[in-house]
Amino acid sequence: MKLEPSLRYSHTIMSQVIKSGDNVIDATVGKGNDTEFLSKLVKEHGKVYGFDLQKDAINITKKKTRKK
């Protein structure tokens, strides 16, 4: 049995479970990649609550996910 790399596998599972309008939590936003991915899943009717201990991580994620 061949398994997907862990990041791709977790995105596959999240894509199957999270729907437009859902509210989700990203407990470690880091550079915002997963937060951005989650925001695309919940779309404009949902919310992503992101947390991180590092202020820089929060600032990077805010810039990355700011509406254009």
PDB file of N, CA and C in Angstrom:
ATOM      1  N   MET A   1       0.842  -1.168   0.000  1.00  0.00           N
ATOM      2  CA  MET A   1       0.000   0.000   0.000  1.00  0.00           C
ATOM      3  C   MET A   1       0.896   1.243   0.000  1.00  0.00           C
ATOM      4  N   LYS A   2       0.595   2.172  -0.897  1.00  0.00           N
ATOM      5  CA  LYS A   2       1.361   3.415  -0.976  1.00  0.00           C
ATOM      6  C   LYS A   2       0.543   4.536  -0.356  1.00  0.00           C
ATOM      7  N   LEU A   3       1.150   5.249   0.588  1.00  0.00           N
ATOM      8  CA  LEU A   3       0.482   6.366   1.246  1.00  0.00           C
ATOM      9  C   LEU A   3       0.946   7.688   0.662  1.00  0.00           C
ATOM     10  N   GLU A   4       0.043   8.663   0.649  1.00  0.00           N
ATOM     11  CA  GLU A   4       0.393  10.009   0.219  1.00  0.00           C
ATOM     12  C   GLU A   4       1.326  10.631   1.271  1.00  0.00           C
ATOM     13  N   PRO A   5       2.135  11.601   0.872  1.00  0.00           N
ATOM     14  CA  PRO A   5       2.887  12.356   1.876  1.00  0.00           C
ATOM     15  C   PRO A   5       1.911  12.967   2.888  1.00  0.00           C
ATOM     16  N   SER A   6       2.337  13.148   4.121  1.00  0.00           N
ATOM     17  CA  SER A   6       1.426  13.538   5.202  1.00  0.00           C
ATOM     18  C   SER A   6       0.682  14.848   4.941  1.00  0.00           C
ATOM     19  N   LEU A   7       1.339  15.842   4.387  1.00  0.00           N
ATOM     20  CA  LEU A   7       0.671  17.117   4.132  1.00  0.00           C
ATOM     21  C   LEU A   7      -0.440  16.956   3.100  1.00  0.00           C
ATOM     22  N   ARG A   8      -0.147  16.279   2.026  1.00  0.00           N
ATOM     23  CA  ARG A   8      -1.160  16.059   0.982  1.00  0.00           C
ATOM     24  C   ARG A   8      -2.309  15.221   1.532  1.00  0.00           C
ATOM     25  N   TYR A   9      -1.980  14.211   2.335  1.00  0.00           N
ATOM     26  CA  TYR A   9      -3.006  13.351   2.927  1.00  0.00           C
ATOM     27  C   TYR A   9      -3.922  14.159   3.851  1.00  0.00           C
ATOM     28  N   SER A  10      -3.337  15.036   4.679  1.00  0.00           N
ATOM     29  CA  SER A  10      -4.170  15.840   5.577  1.00  0.00           C
ATOM     30  C   SER A  10      -5.057  16.801   4.784  1.00  0.00           C
ATOM     31  N   HIS A  11      -4.545  17.350   3.684  1.00  0.00           N
ATOM     32  CA  HIS A  11      -5.362  18.223   2.839  1.00  0.00           C
ATOM     33  C   HIS A  11      -6.480  17.432   2.171  1.00  0.00           C
ATOM     34  N   THR A  12      -6.206  16.204   1.783  1.00  0.00           N
ATOM     35  CA  THR A  12      -7.243  15.353   1.191  1.00  0.00           C
ATOM     36  C   THR A  12      -8.376  15.126   2.182  1.00  0.00           C
ATOM     37  N   ILE A  13      -8.019  14.804   3.417  1.00  0.00           N
ATOM     38  CA  ILE A  13      -9.037  14.565   4.442  1.00  0.00           C
ATOM     39  C   ILE A  13      -9.818  15.850   4.725  1.00  0.00           C
ATOM     40  N   MET A  14      -9.119  16.967   4.893  1.00  0.00           N
ATOM     41  CA  MET A  14      -9.811  18.226   5.169  1.00  0.00           C
ATOM     42  C   MET A  14     -10.751  18.599   4.027  1.00  0.00           C
ATOM     43  N   SER A  15     -10.333  18.361   2.797  1.00  0.00           N
ATOM     44  CA  SER A  15     -11.173  18.681   1.628  1.00  0.00           C
ATOM     45  C   SER A  15     -12.461  17.878   1.614  1.00  0.00           C
ATOM     46  N   GLN A  16     -12.413  16.691   2.201  1.00  0.00           N
ATOM     47  CA  GLN A  16     -13.595  15.829   2.227  1.00  0.00           C
ATOM     48  C   GLN A  16     -14.543  16.169   3.370  1.00  0.00           C
ATOM     49  N   VAL A  17     -14.041  16.852   4.389  1.00  0.00           N
ATOM     50  CA  VAL A  17     -14.828  17.100   5.596  1.00  0.00           C
ATOM     51  C   VAL A  17     -15.298  18.555   5.708  1.00  0.00           C
ATOM     52  N   ILE A  18     -14.430  19.498   5.376  1.00  0.00           N
ATOM     53  CA  ILE A  18     -14.735  20.924   5.553  1.00  0.00           C
ATOM     54  C   ILE A  18     -15.494  21.446   4.338  1.00  0.00           C
ATOM     55  N   LYS A  19     -16.589  22.171   4.629  1.00  0.00           N
ATOM     56  CA  LYS A  19     -17.448  22.684   3.560  1.00  0.00           C
ATOM     57  C   LYS A  19     -17.584  24.200   3.660  1.00  0.00           C
ATOM     58  N   SER A  20     -18.074  24.781   2.610  1.00  0.00           N
ATOM     59  CA  SER A  20     -18.367  26.219   2.581  1.00  0.00           C
ATOM     60  C   SER A  20     -19.274  26.566   3.757  1.00  0.00           C
ATOM     61  N   GLY A  21     -18.919  27.633   4.461  1.00  0.00           N
ATOM     62  CA  GLY A  21     -19.725  28.078   5.590  1.00  0.00           C
ATOM     63  C   GLY A  21     -19.286  27.521   6.937  1.00  0.00           C
ATOM     64  N   ASP A  22     -18.372  26.559   6.939  1.00  0.00           N
ATOM     65  CA  ASP A  22     -17.881  25.994   8.196  1.00  0.00           C
ATOM     66  C   ASP A  22     -16.983  26.985   8.927  1.00  0.00           C
ATOM     67  N   ASN A  23     -16.844  26.784  10.217  1.00  0.00           N
ATOM     68  CA  ASN A  23     -15.887  27.513  11.040  1.00  0.00           C
ATOM     69  C   ASN A  23     -14.823  26.512  11.469  1.00  0.00           C
ATOM     70  N   VAL A  24     -13.558  26.858  11.248  1.00  0.00           N
ATOM     71  CA  VAL A  24     -12.459  25.942  11.553  1.00  0.00           C
ATOM     72  C   VAL A  24     -11.352  26.672  12.311  1.00  0.00           C
ATOM     73  N   ILE A  25     -10.460  25.909  12.923  1.00  0.00           N
ATOM     74  CA  ILE A  25      -9.348  26.460  13.688  1.00  0.00           C
ATOM     75  C   ILE A  25      -8.034  25.960  13.109  1.00  0.00           C
ATOM     76  N   ASP A  26      -7.099  26.890  12.931  1.00  0.00           N
ATOM     77  CA  ASP A  26      -5.715  26.549  12.611  1.00  0.00           C
ATOM     78  C   ASP A  26      -4.902  26.968  13.833  1.00  0.00           C
ATOM     79  N   ALA A  27      -4.508  25.987  14.642  1.00  0.00           N
ATOM     80  CA  ALA A  27      -3.873  26.271  15.928  1.00  0.00           C
ATOM     81  C   ALA A  27      -2.419  26.704  15.802  1.00  0.00           C
ATOM     82  N   THR A  28      -1.814  26.493  14.647  1.00  0.00           N
ATOM     83  CA  THR A  28      -0.420  26.904  14.432  1.00  0.00           C
ATOM     84  C   THR A  28      -0.300  27.467  13.022  1.00  0.00           C
ATOM     85  N   VAL A  29      -0.558  28.755  12.852  1.00  0.00           N
ATOM     86  CA  VAL A  29      -0.637  29.318  11.500  1.00  0.00           C
ATOM     87  C   VAL A  29       0.700  29.361  10.759  1.00  0.00           C
ATOM     88  N   GLY A  30       1.798  29.419  11.479  1.00  0.00           N
ATOM     89  CA  GLY A  30       3.102  29.407  10.810  1.00  0.00           C
ATOM     90  C   GLY A  30       3.197  30.470   9.732  1.00  0.00           C
ATOM     91  N   LYS A  31       3.442  30.055   8.501  1.00  0.00           N
ATOM     92  CA  LYS A  31       3.546  31.008   7.379  1.00  0.00           C
ATOM     93  C   LYS A  31       2.218  31.184   6.647  1.00  0.00           C
ATOM     94  N   GLY A  32       1.156  30.602   7.167  1.00  0.00           N
ATOM     95  CA  GLY A  32      -0.173  30.841   6.631  1.00  0.00           C
ATOM     96  C   GLY A  32      -0.624  29.937   5.503  1.00  0.00           C
ATOM     97  N   ASN A  33       0.181  28.961   5.132  1.00  0.00           N
ATOM     98  CA  ASN A  33      -0.203  28.109   3.999  1.00  0.00           C
ATOM     99  C   ASN A  33      -1.455  27.288   4.288  1.00  0.00           C
ATOM    100  N   ASP A  34      -1.517  26.653   5.452  1.00  0.00           N
ATOM    101  CA  ASP A  34      -2.714  25.879   5.784  1.00  0.00           C
ATOM    102  C   ASP A  34      -3.900  26.787   6.067  1.00  0.00           C
ATOM    103  N   THR A  35      -3.650  27.948   6.663  1.00  0.00           N
ATOM    104  CA  THR A  35      -4.729  28.902   6.909  1.00  0.00           C
ATOM    105  C   THR A  35      -5.346  29.341   5.587  1.00  0.00           C
ATOM    106  N   GLU A  36      -4.498  29.601   4.614  1.00  0.00           N
ATOM    107  CA  GLU A  36      -4.980  29.984   3.285  1.00  0.00           C
ATOM    108  C   GLU A  36      -5.760  28.833   2.651  1.00  0.00           C
ATOM    109  N   PHE A  37      -5.261  27.627   2.780  1.00  0.00           N
ATOM    110  CA  PHE A  37      -5.950  26.445   2.251  1.00  0.00           C
ATOM    111  C   PHE A  37      -7.330  26.299   2.901  1.00  0.00           C
ATOM    112  N   LEU A  38      -7.376  26.440   4.224  1.00  0.00           N
ATOM    113  CA  LEU A  38      -8.649  26.325   4.937  1.00  0.00           C
ATOM    114  C   LEU A  38      -9.626  27.413   4.517  1.00  0.00           C
ATOM    115  N   SER A  39      -9.128  28.629   4.303  1.00  0.00           N
ATOM    116  CA  SER A  39     -10.022  29.720   3.900  1.00  0.00           C
ATOM    117  C   SER A  39     -10.650  29.453   2.537  1.00  0.00           C
ATOM    118  N   LYS A  40      -9.933  28.774   1.676  1.00  0.00           N
ATOM    119  CA  LYS A  40     -10.503  28.417   0.370  1.00  0.00           C
ATOM    120  C   LYS A  40     -11.598  27.360   0.519  1.00  0.00           C
ATOM    121  N   LEU A  41     -11.465  26.502   1.517  1.00  0.00           N
ATOM    122  CA  LEU A  41     -12.490  25.474   1.744  1.00  0.00           C
ATOM    123  C   LEU A  41     -13.763  26.061   2.350  1.00  0.00           C
ATOM    124  N   VAL A  42     -13.620  26.973   3.312  1.00  0.00           N
ATOM    125  CA  VAL A  42     -14.806  27.522   3.980  1.00  0.00           C
ATOM    126  C   VAL A  42     -15.453  28.652   3.184  1.00  0.00           C
ATOM    127  N   LYS A  43     -14.719  29.188   2.236  1.00  0.00           N
ATOM    128  CA  LYS A  43     -15.183  30.272   1.363  1.00  0.00           C
ATOM    129  C   LYS A  43     -15.622  31.491   2.161  1.00  0.00           C
ATOM    130  N   GLU A  44     -16.355  32.400   1.531  1.00  0.00           N
ATOM    131  CA  GLU A  44     -16.669  33.675   2.176  1.00  0.00           C
ATOM    132  C   GLU A  44     -17.710  33.561   3.286  1.00  0.00           C
ATOM    133  N   HIS A  45     -18.415  32.452   3.372  1.00  0.00           N
ATOM    134  CA  HIS A  45     -19.452  32.303   4.399  1.00  0.00           C
ATOM    135  C   HIS A  45     -18.936  31.627   5.663  1.00  0.00           C
ATOM    136  N   GLY A  46     -17.709  31.118   5.638  1.00  0.00           N
ATOM    137  CA  GLY A  46     -17.135  30.471   6.814  1.00  0.00           C
ATOM    138  C   GLY A  46     -16.064  31.331   7.447  1.00  0.00           C
ATOM    139  N   LYS A  47     -15.462  30.810   8.500  1.00  0.00           N
ATOM    140  CA  LYS A  47     -14.391  31.524   9.196  1.00  0.00           C
ATOM    141  C   LYS A  47     -13.270  30.560   9.545  1.00  0.00           C
ATOM    142  N   VAL A  48     -12.051  31.091   9.474  1.00  0.00           N
ATOM    143  CA  VAL A  48     -10.876  30.366   9.948  1.00  0.00           C
ATOM    144  C   VAL A  48     -10.315  31.166  11.111  1.00  0.00           C
ATOM    145  N   TYR A  49     -10.238  30.534  12.264  1.00  0.00           N
ATOM    146  CA  TYR A  49      -9.637  31.151  13.438  1.00  0.00           C
ATOM    147  C   TYR A  49      -8.212  30.632  13.531  1.00  0.00           C
ATOM    148  N   GLY A  50      -7.248  31.535  13.384  1.00  0.00           N
ATOM    149  CA  GLY A  50      -5.844  31.132  13.394  1.00  0.00           C
ATOM    150  C   GLY A  50      -5.118  31.649  14.617  1.00  0.00           C
ATOM    151  N   PHE A  51      -4.274  30.790  15.176  1.00  0.00           N
ATOM    152  CA  PHE A  51      -3.512  31.123  16.370  1.00  0.00           C
ATOM    153  C   PHE A  51      -2.050  30.752  16.168  1.00  0.00           C
ATOM    154  N   ASP A  52      -1.180  31.519  16.791  1.00  0.00           N
ATOM    155  CA  ASP A  52       0.241  31.180  16.816  1.00  0.00           C
ATOM    156  C   ASP A  52       0.881  31.984  17.932  1.00  0.00           C
ATOM    157  N   LEU A  53       1.914  31.438  18.527  1.00  0.00           N
ATOM    158  CA  LEU A  53       2.632  32.139  19.586  1.00  0.00           C
ATOM    159  C   LEU A  53       3.524  33.243  19.032  1.00  0.00           C
ATOM    160  N   GLN A  54       3.926  33.114  17.790  1.00  0.00           N
ATOM    161  CA  GLN A  54       4.840  34.072  17.187  1.00  0.00           C
ATOM    162  C   GLN A  54       4.072  35.174  16.456  1.00  0.00           C
ATOM    163  N   LYS A  55       4.305  36.395  16.866  1.00  0.00           N
ATOM    164  CA  LYS A  55       3.625  37.535  16.248  1.00  0.00           C
ATOM    165  C   LYS A  55       3.942  37.628  14.752  1.00  0.00           C
ATOM    166  N   ASP A  56       5.186  37.317  14.374  1.00  0.00           N
ATOM    167  CA  ASP A  56       5.554  37.344  12.953  1.00  0.00           C
ATOM    168  C   ASP A  56       4.700  36.381  12.141  1.00  0.00           C
ATOM    169  N   ALA A  57       4.420  35.214  12.696  1.00  0.00           N
ATOM    170  CA  ALA A  57       3.590  34.232  11.994  1.00  0.00           C
ATOM    171  C   ALA A  57       2.193  34.794  11.742  1.00  0.00           C
ATOM    172  N   ILE A  58       1.637  35.453  12.727  1.00  0.00           N
ATOM    173  CA  ILE A  58       0.307  36.055  12.578  1.00  0.00           C
ATOM    174  C   ILE A  58       0.339  37.145  11.508  1.00  0.00           C
ATOM    175  N   ASN A  59       1.353  37.991  11.536  1.00  0.00           N
ATOM    176  CA  ASN A  59       1.447  39.082  10.555  1.00  0.00           C
ATOM    177  C   ASN A  59       1.611  38.550   9.128  1.00  0.00           C
ATOM    178  N   ILE A  60       2.448  37.534   8.954  1.00  0.00           N
ATOM    179  CA  ILE A  60       2.635  36.920   7.624  1.00  0.00           C
ATOM    180  C   ILE A  60       1.317  36.340   7.130  1.00  0.00           C
ATOM    181  N   THR A  61       0.613  35.657   8.015  1.00  0.00           N
ATOM    182  CA  THR A  61      -0.656  35.019   7.640  1.00  0.00           C
ATOM    183  C   THR A  61      -1.716  36.062   7.308  1.00  0.00           C
ATOM    184  N   LYS A  62      -1.762  37.145   8.053  1.00  0.00           N
ATOM    185  CA  LYS A  62      -2.724  38.218   7.748  1.00  0.00           C
ATOM    186  C   LYS A  62      -2.502  38.756   6.344  1.00  0.00           C
ATOM    187  N   LYS A  63      -1.242  38.988   5.988  1.00  0.00           N
ATOM    188  CA  LYS A  63      -0.936  39.501   4.653  1.00  0.00           C
ATOM    189  C   LYS A  63      -1.330  38.492   3.575  1.00  0.00           C
ATOM    190  N   LYS A  64      -1.063  37.221   3.835  1.00  0.00           N
ATOM    191  CA  LYS A  64      -1.319  36.177   2.853  1.00  0.00           C
ATOM    192  C   LYS A  64      -2.822  35.961   2.626  1.00  0.00           C
ATOM    193  N   THR A  65      -3.609  36.138   3.667  1.00  0.00           N
ATOM    194  CA  THR A  65      -5.041  35.800   3.572  1.00  0.00           C
ATOM    195  C   THR A  65      -5.950  37.014   3.448  1.00  0.00           C
ATOM    196  N   ARG A  66      -5.376  38.196   3.427  1.00  0.00           N
ATOM    197  CA  ARG A  66      -6.175  39.425   3.306  1.00  0.00           C
ATOM    198  C   ARG A  66      -6.966  39.394   1.997  1.00  0.00           C
ATOM    199  N   LYS A  67      -8.229  39.798   2.084  1.00  0.00           N
ATOM    200  CA  LYS A  67      -9.062  39.833   0.873  1.00  0.00           C
ATOM    201  C   LYS A  67      -8.515  40.820  -0.113  1.00  0.00           C
ATOM    202  N   LYS A  68      -8.560  40.458  -1.378  1.00  0.00           N
ATOM    203  CA  LYS A  68      -8.034  41.319  -2.451  1.00  0.00           C
ATOM    204  C   LYS A  68      -9.168  42.008  -3.165  1.00  0.00           C
TER     205      LYS A  68
END
